[in-house]
Amino acid sequence: MLIMCLYGGCPKLFSDEEVKILVTEEAFVKYKKYKVAQLRLANHNTNYINCPYPDCEDLMESPQDVKDSMVQCEFGHKFCTRCKTIGWHKIGKCKKVIITLFTFLG
C-alpha cells in the first residue's frame, strides 16, 4: 500500500520502505500502527491476517500461494497462516501441532 506525499499538489507515492528511510525508527513504528489501524477500519478483506504474537500488531496480506502457509511478519515473528500457531511446521501438520500445544499447556 502506497501513501501520497503530504506536500500540496505533489504526485509522489511512497512505499513503506521509502517511509522507513525518511523517518526515525520511533516515527516508523507509529506510522505502521496507524496504518494497521486504518486498514482494520477500512478493509474487511479476508486476505489480511494479524500476527498472532501477543506483543505484535502487524497486519499483513496472506500469501496467494495456498501451499505456502508459513509467513514472517515485518518484526520477524514466524507463524502458520492456517492455524495461527506460532513457529514453523510442515504443511498438513496443523492439527498435530495444535494438539501438542494444548497437551503441553493443559
C-alpha atoms as a PDB file:
ATOM      1  CA  MET A   1       0.000   0.000   0.000  1.00  0.00           C
ATOM      2  CA  LEU A   2       1.372   3.382  -1.001  1.00  0.00           C
ATOM      3  CA  ILE A   3       0.780   6.752   0.648  1.00  0.00           C
ATOM      4  CA  MET A   4       0.652  10.129  -1.066  1.00  0.00           C
ATOM      5  CA  CYS A   5       3.077  12.942  -0.370  1.00  0.00           C
ATOM      6  CA  LEU A   6       1.504  15.458   2.017  1.00  0.00           C
ATOM      7  CA  TYR A   7       3.017  18.452   0.225  1.00  0.00           C
ATOM      8  CA  GLY A   8       0.181  20.198  -1.653  1.00  0.00           C
ATOM      9  CA  GLY A   9      -0.121  19.008  -5.261  1.00  0.00           C
ATOM     10  CA  CYS A  10       2.836  16.611  -5.150  1.00  0.00           C
ATOM     11  CA  PRO A  11       2.009  13.410  -7.078  1.00  0.00           C
ATOM     12  CA  LYS A  12       4.724  11.286  -5.359  1.00  0.00           C
ATOM     13  CA  LEU A  13       3.619   7.995  -3.793  1.00  0.00           C
ATOM     14  CA  PHE A  14       5.775   6.440  -1.058  1.00  0.00           C
ATOM     15  CA  SER A  15       6.197   2.754  -0.214  1.00  0.00           C
ATOM     16  CA  ASP A  16       6.757   1.576   3.360  1.00  0.00           C
ATOM     17  CA  GLU A  17      10.430   1.032   2.545  1.00  0.00           C
ATOM     18  CA  GLU A  18      10.778   4.667   1.422  1.00  0.00           C
ATOM     19  CA  VAL A  19       8.968   5.957   4.505  1.00  0.00           C
ATOM     20  CA  LYS A  20      11.254   3.877   6.743  1.00  0.00           C
ATOM     21  CA  ILE A  21      14.324   5.506   5.173  1.00  0.00           C
ATOM     22  CA  LEU A  22      12.935   9.029   5.627  1.00  0.00           C
ATOM     23  CA  VAL A  23      11.831   8.916   9.280  1.00  0.00           C
ATOM     24  CA  THR A  24      13.166   7.815  12.661  1.00  0.00           C
ATOM     25  CA  GLU A  25      12.574   4.256  13.887  1.00  0.00           C
ATOM     26  CA  GLU A  26      10.138   5.569  16.533  1.00  0.00           C
ATOM     27  CA  ALA A  27       8.160   7.525  13.917  1.00  0.00           C
ATOM     28  CA  PHE A  28       8.074   4.490  11.616  1.00  0.00           C
ATOM     29  CA  VAL A  29       6.658   2.273  14.393  1.00  0.00           C
ATOM     30  CA  LYS A  30       3.922   4.874  14.998  1.00  0.00           C
ATOM     31  CA  TYR A  31       3.286   5.095  11.242  1.00  0.00           C
ATOM     32  CA  LYS A  32       2.889   1.299  10.991  1.00  0.00           C
ATOM     33  CA  LYS A  33       0.472   1.192  13.958  1.00  0.00           C
ATOM     34  CA  TYR A  34      -1.602   3.965  12.392  1.00  0.00           C
ATOM     35  CA  LYS A  35      -1.566   2.230   9.012  1.00  0.00           C
ATOM     36  CA  VAL A  36      -2.668  -1.076  10.556  1.00  0.00           C
ATOM     37  CA  ALA A  37      -5.493   0.669  12.409  1.00  0.00           C
ATOM     38  CA  GLN A  38      -6.650   2.295   9.175  1.00  0.00           C
ATOM     39  CA  LEU A  39      -6.526  -0.998   7.288  1.00  0.00           C
ATOM     40  CA  ARG A  40      -8.603  -2.669  10.006  1.00  0.00           C
ATOM     41  CA  LEU A  41     -11.222   0.068   9.830  1.00  0.00           C
ATOM     42  CA  ALA A  42     -11.365   0.409   6.063  1.00  0.00           C
ATOM     43  CA  ASN A  43     -10.794  -3.094   4.810  1.00  0.00           C
ATOM     44  CA  HIS A  44     -12.729  -6.154   5.866  1.00  0.00           C
ATOM     45  CA  ASN A  45     -10.837  -8.182   3.281  1.00  0.00           C
ATOM     46  CA  THR A  46     -10.132 -11.702   4.466  1.00  0.00           C
ATOM     47  CA  ASN A  47      -6.774 -11.633   2.658  1.00  0.00           C
ATOM     48  CA  TYR A  48      -5.286  -9.773   5.633  1.00  0.00           C
ATOM     49  CA  ILE A  49      -4.111 -11.590   8.737  1.00  0.00           C
ATOM     50  CA  ASN A  50      -2.858 -10.374  12.096  1.00  0.00           C
ATOM     51  CA  CYS A  51       0.374 -11.647  13.550  1.00  0.00           C
ATOM     52  CA  PRO A  52      -0.613 -13.976  16.446  1.00  0.00           C
ATOM     53  CA  TYR A  53       2.285 -12.933  18.699  1.00  0.00           C
ATOM     54  CA  PRO A  54       0.871 -11.088  21.743  1.00  0.00           C
ATOM     55  CA  ASP A  55       3.349  -8.200  21.530  1.00  0.00           C
ATOM     56  CA  CYS A  56       2.821  -7.612  17.796  1.00  0.00           C
ATOM     57  CA  GLU A  57       0.223  -5.592  15.913  1.00  0.00           C
ATOM     58  CA  ASP A  58       1.474  -6.332  12.407  1.00  0.00           C
ATOM     59  CA  LEU A  59      -1.190  -6.847   9.760  1.00  0.00           C
ATOM     60  CA  MET A  60      -0.107  -8.496   6.532  1.00  0.00           C
ATOM     61  CA  GLU A  61      -1.557  -9.856   3.360  1.00  0.00           C
ATOM     62  CA  SER A  62      -1.965 -13.653   3.237  1.00  0.00           C
ATOM     63  CA  PRO A  63       0.223 -15.458   0.731  1.00  0.00           C
ATOM     64  CA  GLN A  64      -1.534 -16.047  -2.593  1.00  0.00           C
ATOM     65  CA  ASP A  65       0.033 -19.491  -2.906  1.00  0.00           C
ATOM     66  CA  VAL A  66      -2.189 -21.899  -0.946  1.00  0.00           C
ATOM     67  CA  LYS A  67       0.762 -24.256  -0.473  1.00  0.00           C
ATOM     68  CA  ASP A  68       2.766 -21.572   1.353  1.00  0.00           C
ATOM     69  CA  SER A  69       1.153 -21.241   4.775  1.00  0.00           C
ATOM     70  CA  MET A  70       4.242 -20.134   6.683  1.00  0.00           C
ATOM     71  CA  VAL A  71       4.950 -16.406   6.881  1.00  0.00           C
ATOM     72  CA  GLN A  72       7.126 -13.988   8.774  1.00  0.00           C
ATOM     73  CA  CYS A  73       5.799 -10.618   9.865  1.00  0.00           C
ATOM     74  CA  GLU A  74       7.792  -7.426   9.493  1.00  0.00           C
ATOM     75  CA  PHE A  75       9.066  -7.783  13.069  1.00  0.00           C
ATOM     76  CA  GLY A  76      10.472 -11.287  12.491  1.00  0.00           C
ATOM     77  CA  HIS A  77       7.712 -13.395  14.051  1.00  0.00           C
ATOM     78  CA  LYS A  78       7.161 -16.679  12.183  1.00  0.00           C
ATOM     79  CA  PHE A  79       3.786 -18.412  12.140  1.00  0.00           C
ATOM     80  CA  CYS A  80       1.357 -20.586  10.180  1.00  0.00           C
ATOM     81  CA  THR A  81      -1.407 -18.661   8.398  1.00  0.00           C
ATOM     82  CA  ARG A  82      -3.728 -21.654   8.514  1.00  0.00           C
ATOM     83  CA  CYS A  83      -3.779 -22.470  12.238  1.00  0.00           C
ATOM     84  CA  LYS A  84      -2.204 -19.222  13.535  1.00  0.00           C
ATOM     85  CA  THR A  85       0.271 -21.326  15.524  1.00  0.00           C
ATOM     86  CA  ILE A  86       3.485 -19.597  16.461  1.00  0.00           C
ATOM     87  CA  GLY A  87       6.591 -21.080  14.830  1.00  0.00           C
ATOM     88  CA  TRP A  88       7.203 -23.191  11.749  1.00  0.00           C
ATOM     89  CA  HIS A  89       5.785 -26.611  11.000  1.00  0.00           C
ATOM     90  CA  LYS A  90       5.237 -28.739   7.914  1.00  0.00           C
ATOM     91  CA  ILE A  91       2.184 -28.246   5.714  1.00  0.00           C
ATOM     92  CA  GLY A  92      -0.650 -30.503   6.839  1.00  0.00           C
ATOM     93  CA  LYS A  93       0.683 -30.781  10.414  1.00  0.00           C
ATOM     94  CA  CYS A  94      -1.550 -28.031  11.927  1.00  0.00           C
ATOM     95  CA  LYS A  95      -3.795 -30.458  13.814  1.00  0.00           C
ATOM     96  CA  LYS A  96      -0.831 -32.298  15.339  1.00  0.00           C
ATOM     97  CA  VAL A  97       0.830 -29.020  16.396  1.00  0.00           C
ATOM     98  CA  ILE A  98      -2.396 -27.723  17.999  1.00  0.00           C
ATOM     99  CA  ILE A  99      -2.983 -30.997  19.901  1.00  0.00           C
ATOM    100  CA  THR A 100       0.624 -30.964  21.135  1.00  0.00           C
ATOM    101  CA  LEU A 101       0.302 -27.320  22.195  1.00  0.00           C
ATOM    102  CA  PHE A 102      -2.926 -27.937  24.163  1.00  0.00           C
ATOM    103  CA  THR A 103      -1.428 -31.042  25.769  1.00  0.00           C
ATOM    104  CA  PHE A 104       1.636 -29.028  26.807  1.00  0.00           C
ATOM    105  CA  LEU A 105      -0.440 -26.101  28.166  1.00  0.00           C
ATOM    106  CA  GLY A 106      -3.182 -28.283  29.658  1.00  0.00           C
END
